[in-house]
Amino acid sequence: MITKICFLVFVAVLGSAPRAEACVANAVLNLRIHVGGNLTWTVNPNEPCTIDYFKVEAQGDRQDDYVVNVRDHYVDLSFLKTCEQWKFHVTPVSEGVLGHETRIIDWIPIPSNADLTLEYFNVTVRKKNDVLLKWDLRNHTHGDCTLEYRVAIVDRDTSKTRDVYLTGKSAHIDFLSPCVPYRLTMRAVNTAIGGIEGPLAVRNLEIPAYPEDPPELRNIQIYANRISMSWRLENYLLNRCPIINFYVDGGNAFNISVPVMDPEGRPPVHVNVTGLQPSTIYSFKVYVENSAGVSTAVPMAVQTATLG
């Protein structure tokens, strides 16, 4: 009886064929969404599994989902909404076994035939070194997710041009100078298709004159009978209104006015106050005048040195 049972077990073991392990495909490569809504990917040339098809899922940020199985390495998703953020999942399937998933989050880019005309482009001076730009598209059919707005700022005095790339519908520019005439141009640029540009909008601007910022003390040397000072002026690029005079106002003790030629580099102003008494405290204020008026005064108090 024992011999018979052992024989049956032996036959059962020999008669059961070994099961092959399932082949789990590797993740796809180079998953991309293109202009026009074509989703593409590639497969590793050394992929060991035989891939039967790809499971493709698209999940929108507005609760709209789409699932399809395809055999090709692409799928046409042109019916999806442009400028909605989508999560794209692609999973290879081999003999009914799901492989490793690849996922990207991206927009359906704006098509090449989209209207890039600006409805308006407004430029407003809010205060010194603060210019507000506002703009909007005329046509919002495709949105603006892959758009940038190129602003070319031309200094009409020097013909120098500076390009700025912006997004959104408004921006503050803080590097324009008072007393300078500018020409500003803006156009929409579709970055998804090699930089297709829309029509140009043009505005001319001249920021009104503003007084200088208060001067900054750079160096001071104190002697028994005089004071030697060096003062830094506001950067020429931030305020090009011509500087006229630099003042050191010591009331009844002294009053000095230094004419300023104001070259482009705008070097520091050097001032010598002479004829002072030793060991004496002098209070004075310093300010600078340009074509818009005088700056805020900088108060100073200095005690001269004793005689040797």
C-alpha atoms as a PDB file:
ATOM      1  CA  MET A   1       0.000   0.000   0.000  1.00  0.00           C
ATOM      2  CA  ILE A   2       2.825   2.346   0.869  1.00  0.00           C
ATOM      3  CA  THR A   3       4.598   1.483  -2.388  1.00  0.00           C
ATOM      4  CA  LYS A   4       1.490   2.294  -4.445  1.00  0.00           C
ATOM      5  CA  ILE A   5       1.066   5.743  -2.841  1.00  0.00           C
ATOM      6  CA  CYS A   6       4.693   6.650  -3.464  1.00  0.00           C
ATOM      7  CA  PHE A   7       4.338   5.634  -7.115  1.00  0.00           C
ATOM      8  CA  LEU A   8       1.287   7.860  -7.582  1.00  0.00           C
ATOM      9  CA  VAL A   9       3.090  10.844  -6.034  1.00  0.00           C
ATOM     10  CA  PHE A  10       6.068  10.248  -8.295  1.00  0.00           C
ATOM     11  CA  VAL A  11       3.833  10.151 -11.405  1.00  0.00           C
ATOM     12  CA  ALA A  12       2.066  13.350 -10.336  1.00  0.00           C
ATOM     13  CA  VAL A  13       5.349  15.207  -9.922  1.00  0.00           C
ATOM     14  CA  LEU A  14       6.665  14.096 -13.292  1.00  0.00           C
ATOM     15  CA  GLY A  15       3.380  14.894 -15.039  1.00  0.00           C
ATOM     16  CA  SER A  16       3.138  18.611 -13.955  1.00  0.00           C
ATOM     17  CA  ALA A  17       4.849  20.938 -16.489  1.00  0.00           C
ATOM     18  CA  PRO A  18       6.833  23.932 -15.061  1.00  0.00           C
ATOM     19  CA  ARG A  19       5.086  27.364 -15.455  1.00  0.00           C
ATOM     20  CA  ALA A  20       7.048  30.106 -17.259  1.00  0.00           C
ATOM     21  CA  GLU A  21       7.436  33.390 -15.374  1.00  0.00           C
ATOM     22  CA  ALA A  22       5.416  36.328 -16.748  1.00  0.00           C
ATOM     23  CA  CYS A  23       7.414  38.849 -18.817  1.00  0.00           C
ATOM     24  CA  VAL A  24       7.014  42.357 -17.427  1.00  0.00           C
ATOM     25  CA  ALA A  25       7.847  44.902 -20.135  1.00  0.00           C
ATOM     26  CA  ASN A  26      10.053  47.882 -19.395  1.00  0.00           C
ATOM     27  CA  ALA A  27       8.730  51.437 -19.425  1.00  0.00           C
ATOM     28  CA  VAL A  28       8.524  53.191 -22.800  1.00  0.00           C
ATOM     29  CA  LEU A  29      10.992  55.963 -23.643  1.00  0.00           C
ATOM     30  CA  ASN A  30      10.769  59.533 -24.996  1.00  0.00           C
ATOM     31  CA  LEU A  31       7.103  60.065 -24.178  1.00  0.00           C
ATOM     32  CA  ARG A  32       6.051  63.406 -25.677  1.00  0.00           C
ATOM     33  CA  ILE A  33       2.934  65.342 -26.607  1.00  0.00           C
ATOM     34  CA  HIS A  34       3.283  67.296 -29.847  1.00  0.00           C
ATOM     35  CA  VAL A  35       1.566  70.220 -31.476  1.00  0.00           C
ATOM     36  CA  GLY A  36      -1.724  68.970 -32.863  1.00  0.00           C
ATOM     37  CA  GLY A  37      -2.169  66.504 -29.979  1.00  0.00           C
ATOM     38  CA  ASN A  38      -0.057  63.589 -31.235  1.00  0.00           C
ATOM     39  CA  LEU A  39       1.316  61.549 -28.290  1.00  0.00           C
ATOM     40  CA  THR A  40       4.436  59.534 -29.217  1.00  0.00           C
ATOM     41  CA  TRP A  41       6.934  57.245 -27.515  1.00  0.00           C
ATOM     42  CA  THR A  42       9.644  54.704 -28.322  1.00  0.00           C
ATOM     43  CA  VAL A  43      10.539  51.234 -27.028  1.00  0.00           C
ATOM     44  CA  ASN A  44      13.953  50.148 -25.870  1.00  0.00           C
ATOM     45  CA  PRO A  45      15.498  48.153 -28.775  1.00  0.00           C
ATOM     46  CA  ASN A  46      16.689  45.593 -26.202  1.00  0.00           C
ATOM     47  CA  GLU A  47      13.219  45.076 -24.756  1.00  0.00           C
ATOM     48  CA  PRO A  48      13.050  41.353 -23.846  1.00  0.00           C
ATOM     49  CA  CYS A  49       9.243  41.068 -23.817  1.00  0.00           C
ATOM     50  CA  THR A  50       6.933  40.778 -26.789  1.00  0.00           C
ATOM     51  CA  ILE A  51       4.618  43.757 -26.437  1.00  0.00           C
ATOM     52  CA  ASP A  52       1.078  43.112 -27.629  1.00  0.00           C
ATOM     53  CA  TYR A  53      -0.247  46.643 -27.211  1.00  0.00           C
ATOM     54  CA  PHE A  54       0.057  49.838 -25.159  1.00  0.00           C
ATOM     55  CA  LYS A  55      -2.499  51.072 -22.669  1.00  0.00           C
ATOM     56  CA  VAL A  56      -2.769  54.882 -23.000  1.00  0.00           C
ATOM     57  CA  GLU A  57      -4.522  57.036 -20.408  1.00  0.00           C
ATOM     58  CA  ALA A  58      -5.049  60.803 -20.491  1.00  0.00           C
ATOM     59  CA  GLN A  59      -6.316  62.507 -17.343  1.00  0.00           C
ATOM     60  CA  GLY A  60      -7.277  66.179 -17.587  1.00  0.00           C
ATOM     61  CA  ASP A  61      -7.247  68.785 -14.832  1.00  0.00           C
ATOM     62  CA  ARG A  62     -10.988  69.300 -15.370  1.00  0.00           C
ATOM     63  CA  GLN A  63     -12.004  65.735 -14.441  1.00  0.00           C
ATOM     64  CA  ASP A  64     -12.079  64.515 -18.043  1.00  0.00           C
ATOM     65  CA  ASP A  65     -10.333  61.178 -18.707  1.00  0.00           C
ATOM     66  CA  TYR A  66      -9.642  59.099 -21.820  1.00  0.00           C
ATOM     67  CA  VAL A  67      -8.341  55.497 -22.110  1.00  0.00           C
ATOM     68  CA  VAL A  68      -7.396  53.585 -25.280  1.00  0.00           C
ATOM     69  CA  ASN A  69      -5.287  50.555 -26.265  1.00  0.00           C
ATOM     70  CA  VAL A  70      -3.059  50.890 -29.350  1.00  0.00           C
ATOM     71  CA  ARG A  71      -0.460  48.744 -31.107  1.00  0.00           C
ATOM     72  CA  ASP A  72       1.462  51.652 -32.669  1.00  0.00           C
ATOM     73  CA  HIS A  73       3.971  53.896 -30.894  1.00  0.00           C
ATOM     74  CA  TYR A  74       1.661  56.880 -31.123  1.00  0.00           C
ATOM     75  CA  VAL A  75      -1.933  57.922 -30.615  1.00  0.00           C
ATOM     76  CA  ASP A  76      -3.885  60.866 -32.006  1.00  0.00           C
ATOM     77  CA  LEU A  77      -5.262  62.951 -29.127  1.00  0.00           C
ATOM     78  CA  SER A  78      -6.066  66.039 -31.182  1.00  0.00           C
ATOM     79  CA  PHE A  79      -9.590  66.057 -29.806  1.00  0.00           C
ATOM     80  CA  LEU A  80      -8.300  66.916 -26.319  1.00  0.00           C
ATOM     81  CA  LYS A  81      -8.472  70.531 -25.186  1.00  0.00           C
ATOM     82  CA  THR A  82      -5.412  72.708 -25.741  1.00  0.00           C
ATOM     83  CA  CYS A  83      -3.930  74.520 -22.758  1.00  0.00           C
ATOM     84  CA  GLU A  84      -5.514  72.109 -20.320  1.00  0.00           C
ATOM     85  CA  GLN A  85      -2.935  70.335 -18.184  1.00  0.00           C
ATOM     86  CA  TRP A  86      -2.983  66.590 -18.868  1.00  0.00           C
ATOM     87  CA  LYS A  87      -1.377  63.563 -17.256  1.00  0.00           C
ATOM     88  CA  PHE A  88      -0.390  61.073 -19.944  1.00  0.00           C
ATOM     89  CA  HIS A  89       0.242  57.438 -18.903  1.00  0.00           C
ATOM     90  CA  VAL A  90       1.573  54.784 -21.287  1.00  0.00           C
ATOM     91  CA  THR A  91       1.915  51.161 -20.113  1.00  0.00           C
ATOM     92  CA  PRO A  92       3.157  48.294 -22.338  1.00  0.00           C
ATOM     93  CA  VAL A  93       1.169  45.039 -22.086  1.00  0.00           C
ATOM     94  CA  SER A  94       2.773  41.637 -22.777  1.00  0.00           C
ATOM     95  CA  GLU A  95       0.556  38.514 -22.793  1.00  0.00           C
ATOM     96  CA  GLY A  96      -1.989  40.252 -20.616  1.00  0.00           C
ATOM     97  CA  VAL A  97       0.625  41.407 -18.082  1.00  0.00           C
ATOM     98  CA  LEU A  98       0.962  45.135 -17.439  1.00  0.00           C
ATOM     99  CA  GLY A  99       4.509  46.454 -17.779  1.00  0.00           C
ATOM    100  CA  HIS A 100       6.109  49.461 -16.144  1.00  0.00           C
ATOM    101  CA  GLU A 101       4.252  52.740 -16.618  1.00  0.00           C
ATOM    102  CA  THR A 102       5.681  56.002 -17.996  1.00  0.00           C
ATOM    103  CA  ARG A 103       3.949  59.265 -17.119  1.00  0.00           C
ATOM    104  CA  ILE A 104       4.349  62.910 -18.112  1.00  0.00           C
ATOM    105  CA  ILE A 105       2.372  66.012 -17.165  1.00  0.00           C
ATOM    106  CA  ASP A 106       2.082  68.555 -19.960  1.00  0.00           C
ATOM    107  CA  TRP A 107      -0.184  70.809 -21.999  1.00  0.00           C
ATOM    108  CA  ILE A 108      -1.586  70.221 -25.454  1.00  0.00           C
ATOM    109  CA  PRO A 109       0.426  72.985 -27.185  1.00  0.00           C
ATOM    110  CA  ILE A 110      -1.214  75.869 -28.998  1.00  0.00           C
ATOM    111  CA  PRO A 111      -1.512  75.059 -32.731  1.00  0.00           C
ATOM    112  CA  SER A 112       0.400  76.913 -35.421  1.00  0.00           C
ATOM    113  CA  ASN A 113      -2.716  78.607 -36.809  1.00  0.00           C
ATOM    114  CA  ALA A 114      -3.711  80.196 -33.488  1.00  0.00           C
ATOM    115  CA  ASP A 115      -4.473  83.932 -33.575  1.00  0.00           C
ATOM    116  CA  LEU A 116      -1.637  85.678 -31.691  1.00  0.00           C
ATOM    117  CA  THR A 117      -2.962  89.215 -32.137  1.00  0.00           C
ATOM    118  CA  LEU A 118      -2.978  91.365 -28.990  1.00  0.00           C
ATOM    119  CA  GLU A 119      -6.280  92.973 -28.049  1.00  0.00           C
ATOM    120  CA  TYR A 120      -4.420  95.736 -26.182  1.00  0.00           C
ATOM    121  CA  PHE A 121      -0.989  96.664 -24.824  1.00  0.00           C
ATOM    122  CA  ASN A 122      -1.016  99.367 -22.154  1.00  0.00           C
ATOM    123  CA  VAL A 123       1.984 101.073 -20.545  1.00  0.00           C
ATOM    124  CA  THR A 124       1.543 103.085 -17.336  1.00  0.00           C
ATOM    125  CA  VAL A 125       4.162 104.943 -15.268  1.00  0.00           C
ATOM    126  CA  ARG A 126       3.258 104.279 -11.639  1.00  0.00           C
ATOM    127  CA  LYS A 127       6.261 105.916 -10.009  1.00  0.00           C
ATOM    128  CA  LYS A 128       9.974 106.357 -10.524  1.00  0.00           C
ATOM    129  CA  ASN A 129      11.500 103.113 -11.871  1.00  0.00           C
ATOM    130  CA  ASP A 130       8.112 101.376 -11.880  1.00  0.00           C
ATOM    131  CA  VAL A 131       6.349 100.944 -15.202  1.00  0.00           C
ATOM    132  CA  LEU A 132       3.294  98.691 -15.373  1.00  0.00           C
ATOM    133  CA  LEU A 133       2.628  96.719 -18.563  1.00  0.00           C
ATOM    134  CA  LYS A 134      -0.787  95.180 -19.222  1.00  0.00           C
ATOM    135  CA  TRP A 135      -1.870  93.163 -22.243  1.00  0.00           C
ATOM    136  CA  ASP A 136      -4.243  90.463 -23.441  1.00  0.00           C
ATOM    137  CA  LEU A 137      -4.918  88.316 -26.493  1.00  0.00           C
ATOM    138  CA  ARG A 138      -7.760  89.125 -28.837  1.00  0.00           C
ATOM    139  CA  ASN A 139      -8.709  85.470 -29.269  1.00  0.00           C
ATOM    140  CA  HIS A 140      -8.789  83.018 -26.338  1.00  0.00           C
ATOM    141  CA  THR A 141      -9.927  79.943 -28.272  1.00  0.00           C
ATOM    142  CA  HIS A 142      -6.692  78.015 -27.657  1.00  0.00           C
ATOM    143  CA  GLY A 143      -5.529  79.695 -24.422  1.00  0.00           C
ATOM    144  CA  ASP A 144      -1.986  80.925 -23.832  1.00  0.00           C
ATOM    145  CA  CYS A 145      -0.167  78.058 -22.074  1.00  0.00           C
ATOM    146  CA  THR A 146       2.743  77.869 -24.533  1.00  0.00           C
ATOM    147  CA  LEU A 147       2.974  81.596 -25.170  1.00  0.00           C
ATOM    148  CA  GLU A 148       5.608  84.086 -24.117  1.00  0.00           C
ATOM    149  CA  TYR A 149       5.414  87.811 -24.773  1.00  0.00           C
ATOM    150  CA  ARG A 150       8.546  89.452 -26.115  1.00  0.00           C
ATOM    151  CA  VAL A 151       8.943  93.109 -25.192  1.00  0.00           C
ATOM    152  CA  ALA A 152      11.639  95.061 -27.035  1.00  0.00           C
ATOM    153  CA  ILE A 153      12.584  98.262 -25.201  1.00  0.00           C
ATOM    154  CA  VAL A 154      14.425 100.805 -27.342  1.00  0.00           C
ATOM    155  CA  ASP A 155      16.206 103.780 -25.790  1.00  0.00           C
ATOM    156  CA  ARG A 156      15.446 106.407 -28.430  1.00  0.00           C
ATOM    157  CA  ASP A 157      18.360 108.576 -27.267  1.00  0.00           C
ATOM    158  CA  THR A 158      20.999 105.880 -27.768  1.00  0.00           C
ATOM    159  CA  SER A 159      19.122 103.349 -29.989  1.00  0.00           C
ATOM    160  CA  LYS A 160      20.098 100.584 -27.549  1.00  0.00           C
ATOM    161  CA  THR A 161      17.574  97.739 -27.342  1.00  0.00           C
ATOM    162  CA  ARG A 162      16.786  95.369 -24.503  1.00  0.00           C
ATOM    163  CA  ASP A 163      14.524  92.326 -24.908  1.00  0.00           C
ATOM    164  CA  VAL A 164      12.388  90.998 -22.051  1.00  0.00           C
ATOM    165  CA  TYR A 165      10.294  87.819 -22.148  1.00  0.00           C
ATOM    166  CA  LEU A 166       7.128  87.790 -20.037  1.00  0.00           C
ATOM    167  CA  THR A 167       4.188  85.509 -19.270  1.00  0.00           C
ATOM    168  CA  GLY A 168       0.723  86.187 -17.920  1.00  0.00           C
ATOM    169  CA  LYS A 169      -1.155  89.405 -18.601  1.00  0.00           C
ATOM    170  CA  SER A 170       0.792  92.034 -16.638  1.00  0.00           C
ATOM    171  CA  ALA A 171       4.298  92.816 -15.434  1.00  0.00           C
ATOM    172  CA  HIS A 172       6.292  95.545 -13.686  1.00  0.00           C
ATOM    173  CA  ILE A 173       9.451  96.903 -15.328  1.00  0.00           C
ATOM    174  CA  ASP A 174      11.857  98.517 -12.841  1.00  0.00           C
ATOM    175  CA  PHE A 175      14.919  99.410 -14.897  1.00  0.00           C
ATOM    176  CA  LEU A 176      13.682 102.295 -17.058  1.00  0.00           C
ATOM    177  CA  SER A 177      15.062 105.724 -16.319  1.00  0.00           C
ATOM    178  CA  PRO A 178      13.312 109.074 -15.915  1.00  0.00           C
ATOM    179  CA  CYS A 179      14.040 111.663 -18.593  1.00  0.00           C
ATOM    180  CA  VAL A 180      14.552 109.035 -21.308  1.00  0.00           C
ATOM    181  CA  PRO A 181      12.246 108.533 -24.315  1.00  0.00           C
ATOM    182  CA  TYR A 182      11.501 104.851 -24.968  1.00  0.00           C
ATOM    183  CA  ARG A 183       9.788 102.837 -27.672  1.00  0.00           C
ATOM    184  CA  LEU A 184       8.200  99.611 -26.413  1.00  0.00           C
ATOM    185  CA  THR A 185       7.006  96.857 -28.721  1.00  0.00           C
ATOM    186  CA  MET A 186       5.258  93.634 -27.675  1.00  0.00           C
ATOM    187  CA  ARG A 187       4.319  90.507 -29.576  1.00  0.00           C
ATOM    188  CA  ALA A 188       3.088  87.046 -28.575  1.00  0.00           C
ATOM    189  CA  VAL A 189       5.460  84.150 -29.307  1.00  0.00           C
ATOM    190  CA  ASN A 190       4.284  80.530 -29.543  1.00  0.00           C
ATOM    191  CA  THR A 191       7.255  78.702 -28.023  1.00  0.00           C
ATOM    192  CA  ALA A 192       5.829  75.272 -28.930  1.00  0.00           C
ATOM    193  CA  ILE A 193       6.409  75.756 -32.665  1.00  0.00           C
ATOM    194  CA  GLY A 194       9.830  77.235 -33.173  1.00  0.00           C
ATOM    195  CA  GLY A 195       8.867  80.672 -31.915  1.00  0.00           C
ATOM    196  CA  ILE A 196       6.005  81.693 -34.234  1.00  0.00           C
ATOM    197  CA  GLU A 197       5.376  85.402 -33.562  1.00  0.00           C
ATOM    198  CA  GLY A 198       2.183  87.393 -33.645  1.00  0.00           C
ATOM    199  CA  PRO A 199       1.618  90.975 -34.858  1.00  0.00           C
ATOM    200  CA  LEU A 200       3.515  93.827 -33.205  1.00  0.00           C
ATOM    201  CA  ALA A 201       1.963  96.316 -30.770  1.00  0.00           C
ATOM    202  CA  VAL A 202       3.877  99.592 -30.260  1.00  0.00           C
ATOM    203  CA  ARG A 203       3.863 102.191 -27.472  1.00  0.00           C
ATOM    204  CA  ASN A 204       6.026 105.265 -26.905  1.00  0.00           C
ATOM    205  CA  LEU A 205       6.919 106.294 -23.372  1.00  0.00           C
ATOM    206  CA  GLU A 206       8.901 108.944 -21.544  1.00  0.00           C
ATOM    207  CA  ILE A 207       9.090 108.712 -17.770  1.00  0.00           C
ATOM    208  CA  PRO A 208       8.726 112.167 -16.193  1.00  0.00           C
ATOM    209  CA  ALA A 209      11.674 113.802 -14.449  1.00  0.00           C
ATOM    210  CA  TYR A 210      12.282 112.717 -10.847  1.00  0.00           C
ATOM    211  CA  PRO A 211      14.724 114.151  -8.296  1.00  0.00           C
ATOM    212  CA  GLU A 212      17.812 112.126  -7.474  1.00  0.00           C
ATOM    213  CA  ASP A 213      17.910 109.668  -4.609  1.00  0.00           C
ATOM    214  CA  PRO A 214      19.833 111.082  -1.618  1.00  0.00           C
ATOM    215  CA  PRO A 215      23.601 110.942  -2.142  1.00  0.00           C
ATOM    216  CA  GLU A 216      25.572 108.307  -0.193  1.00  0.00           C
ATOM    217  CA  LEU A 217      28.750 109.093   1.715  1.00  0.00           C
ATOM    218  CA  ARG A 218      31.592 107.085   0.251  1.00  0.00           C
ATOM    219  CA  ASN A 219      34.599 108.478   2.130  1.00  0.00           C
ATOM    220  CA  ILE A 220      35.386 111.229   4.649  1.00  0.00           C
ATOM    221  CA  GLN A 221      38.652 112.562   6.042  1.00  0.00           C
ATOM    222  CA  ILE A 222      38.582 114.963   8.986  1.00  0.00           C
ATOM    223  CA  TYR A 223      41.354 117.455   9.764  1.00  0.00           C
ATOM    224  CA  ALA A 224      41.695 120.340  12.191  1.00  0.00           C
ATOM    225  CA  ASN A 225      40.757 123.034   9.674  1.00  0.00           C
ATOM    226  CA  ARG A 226      38.987 121.150   6.876  1.00  0.00           C
ATOM    227  CA  ILE A 227      36.858 118.173   5.887  1.00  0.00           C
ATOM    228  CA  SER A 228      37.361 116.180   2.697  1.00  0.00           C
ATOM    229  CA  MET A 229      34.400 114.091   1.495  1.00  0.00           C
ATOM    230  CA  SER A 230      33.467 111.846  -1.427  1.00  0.00           C
ATOM    231  CA  TRP A 231      29.780 111.204  -2.264  1.00  0.00           C
ATOM    232  CA  ARG A 232      28.218 108.572  -4.486  1.00  0.00           C
ATOM    233  CA  LEU A 233      25.321 109.701  -6.705  1.00  0.00           C
ATOM    234  CA  GLU A 234      22.392 107.647  -7.919  1.00  0.00           C
ATOM    235  CA  ASN A 235      23.261 105.241 -10.711  1.00  0.00           C
ATOM    236  CA  TYR A 236      23.150 106.939 -14.113  1.00  0.00           C
ATOM    237  CA  LEU A 237      21.123 104.088 -15.598  1.00  0.00           C
ATOM    238  CA  LEU A 238      18.353 104.491 -13.001  1.00  0.00           C
ATOM    239  CA  ASN A 239      17.950 108.265 -13.324  1.00  0.00           C
ATOM    240  CA  ARG A 240      19.281 110.074 -16.368  1.00  0.00           C
ATOM    241  CA  CYS A 241      17.757 113.437 -15.528  1.00  0.00           C
ATOM    242  CA  PRO A 242      20.734 115.827 -15.773  1.00  0.00           C
ATOM    243  CA  ILE A 243      22.390 116.712 -12.439  1.00  0.00           C
ATOM    244  CA  ILE A 244      23.061 120.423 -11.991  1.00  0.00           C
ATOM    245  CA  ASN A 245      24.629 121.027  -8.572  1.00  0.00           C
ATOM    246  CA  PHE A 246      25.787 119.285  -5.434  1.00  0.00           C
ATOM    247  CA  TYR A 247      25.199 121.195  -2.168  1.00  0.00           C
ATOM    248  CA  VAL A 248      26.786 121.121   1.266  1.00  0.00           C
ATOM    249  CA  ASP A 249      24.713 123.420   3.477  1.00  0.00           C
ATOM    250  CA  GLY A 250      26.324 124.297   6.790  1.00  0.00           C
ATOM    251  CA  GLY A 251      24.042 127.222   7.603  1.00  0.00           C
ATOM    252  CA  ASN A 252      25.996 130.273   8.823  1.00  0.00           C
ATOM    253  CA  ALA A 253      29.274 128.310   9.028  1.00  0.00           C
ATOM    254  CA  PHE A 254      29.625 127.467   5.319  1.00  0.00           C
ATOM    255  CA  ASN A 255      27.582 126.896   2.185  1.00  0.00           C
ATOM    256  CA  ILE A 256      29.153 125.110  -0.752  1.00  0.00           C
ATOM    257  CA  SER A 257      27.752 124.475  -4.233  1.00  0.00           C
ATOM    258  CA  VAL A 258      29.624 122.174  -6.607  1.00  0.00           C
ATOM    259  CA  PRO A 259      28.556 122.234 -10.299  1.00  0.00           C
ATOM    260  CA  VAL A 260      28.235 118.721 -11.745  1.00  0.00           C
ATOM    261  CA  MET A 261      28.926 117.985 -15.402  1.00  0.00           C
ATOM    262  CA  ASP A 262      27.162 114.573 -15.074  1.00  0.00           C
ATOM    263  CA  PRO A 263      29.008 112.349 -17.566  1.00  0.00           C
ATOM    264  CA  GLU A 264      27.542 108.961 -18.439  1.00  0.00           C
ATOM    265  CA  GLY A 265      29.602 107.098 -15.854  1.00  0.00           C
ATOM    266  CA  ARG A 266      28.501 109.540 -13.110  1.00  0.00           C
ATOM    267  CA  PRO A 267      31.610 109.378 -10.868  1.00  0.00           C
ATOM    268  CA  PRO A 268      31.528 110.347  -7.180  1.00  0.00           C
ATOM    269  CA  VAL A 269      31.521 114.027  -6.225  1.00  0.00           C
ATOM    270  CA  HIS A 270      34.482 115.234  -4.148  1.00  0.00           C
ATOM    271  CA  VAL A 271      33.986 118.178  -1.785  1.00  0.00           C
ATOM    272  CA  ASN A 272      36.478 120.032   0.414  1.00  0.00           C
ATOM    273  CA  VAL A 273      35.120 122.191   3.242  1.00  0.00           C
ATOM    274  CA  THR A 274      37.885 124.558   4.405  1.00  0.00           C
ATOM    275  CA  GLY A 275      38.357 127.402   6.914  1.00  0.00           C
ATOM    276  CA  LEU A 276      37.021 125.400   9.886  1.00  0.00           C
ATOM    277  CA  GLN A 277      37.930 125.715  13.557  1.00  0.00           C
ATOM    278  CA  PRO A 278      39.733 122.882  15.364  1.00  0.00           C
ATOM    279  CA  SER A 279      37.838 120.733  17.887  1.00  0.00           C
ATOM    280  CA  THR A 280      34.505 122.111  16.731  1.00  0.00           C
ATOM    281  CA  ILE A 281      31.286 120.277  15.924  1.00  0.00           C
ATOM    282  CA  TYR A 282      29.737 121.259  12.613  1.00  0.00           C
ATOM    283  CA  SER A 283      26.252 120.191  11.557  1.00  0.00           C
ATOM    284  CA  PHE A 284      25.323 120.361   7.900  1.00  0.00           C
ATOM    285  CA  LYS A 285      23.181 118.670   5.274  1.00  0.00           C
ATOM    286  CA  VAL A 286      24.024 117.380   1.827  1.00  0.00           C
ATOM    287  CA  TYR A 287      21.751 117.124  -1.199  1.00  0.00           C
ATOM    288  CA  VAL A 288      21.881 117.086  -4.968  1.00  0.00           C
ATOM    289  CA  GLU A 289      19.878 118.980  -7.585  1.00  0.00           C
ATOM    290  CA  ASN A 290      18.843 117.733 -11.016  1.00  0.00           C
ATOM    291  CA  SER A 291      16.408 118.956 -13.653  1.00  0.00           C
ATOM    292  CA  ALA A 292      13.450 117.792 -11.520  1.00  0.00           C
ATOM    293  CA  GLY A 293      14.535 119.548  -8.320  1.00  0.00           C
ATOM    294  CA  VAL A 294      16.509 118.678  -5.194  1.00  0.00           C
ATOM    295  CA  SER A 295      16.890 115.319  -3.480  1.00  0.00           C
ATOM    296  CA  THR A 296      16.111 114.542   0.123  1.00  0.00           C
ATOM    297  CA  ALA A 297      18.855 116.038   2.327  1.00  0.00           C
ATOM    298  CA  VAL A 298      21.338 113.842   4.168  1.00  0.00           C
ATOM    299  CA  PRO A 299      22.065 115.259   7.695  1.00  0.00           C
ATOM    300  CA  MET A 300      25.665 115.157   8.957  1.00  0.00           C
ATOM    301  CA  ALA A 301      27.547 116.154  12.145  1.00  0.00           C
ATOM    302  CA  VAL A 302      31.344 116.198  12.255  1.00  0.00           C
ATOM    303  CA  GLN A 303      33.834 117.283  14.928  1.00  0.00           C
ATOM    304  CA  THR A 304      37.091 118.587  13.539  1.00  0.00           C
ATOM    305  CA  ALA A 305      40.394 117.309  14.866  1.00  0.00           C
ATOM    306  CA  THR A 306      42.567 119.100  17.403  1.00  0.00           C
ATOM    307  CA  LEU A 307      45.657 120.960  16.285  1.00  0.00           C
ATOM    308  CA  GLY A 308      48.838 118.840  16.194  1.00  0.00           C
END
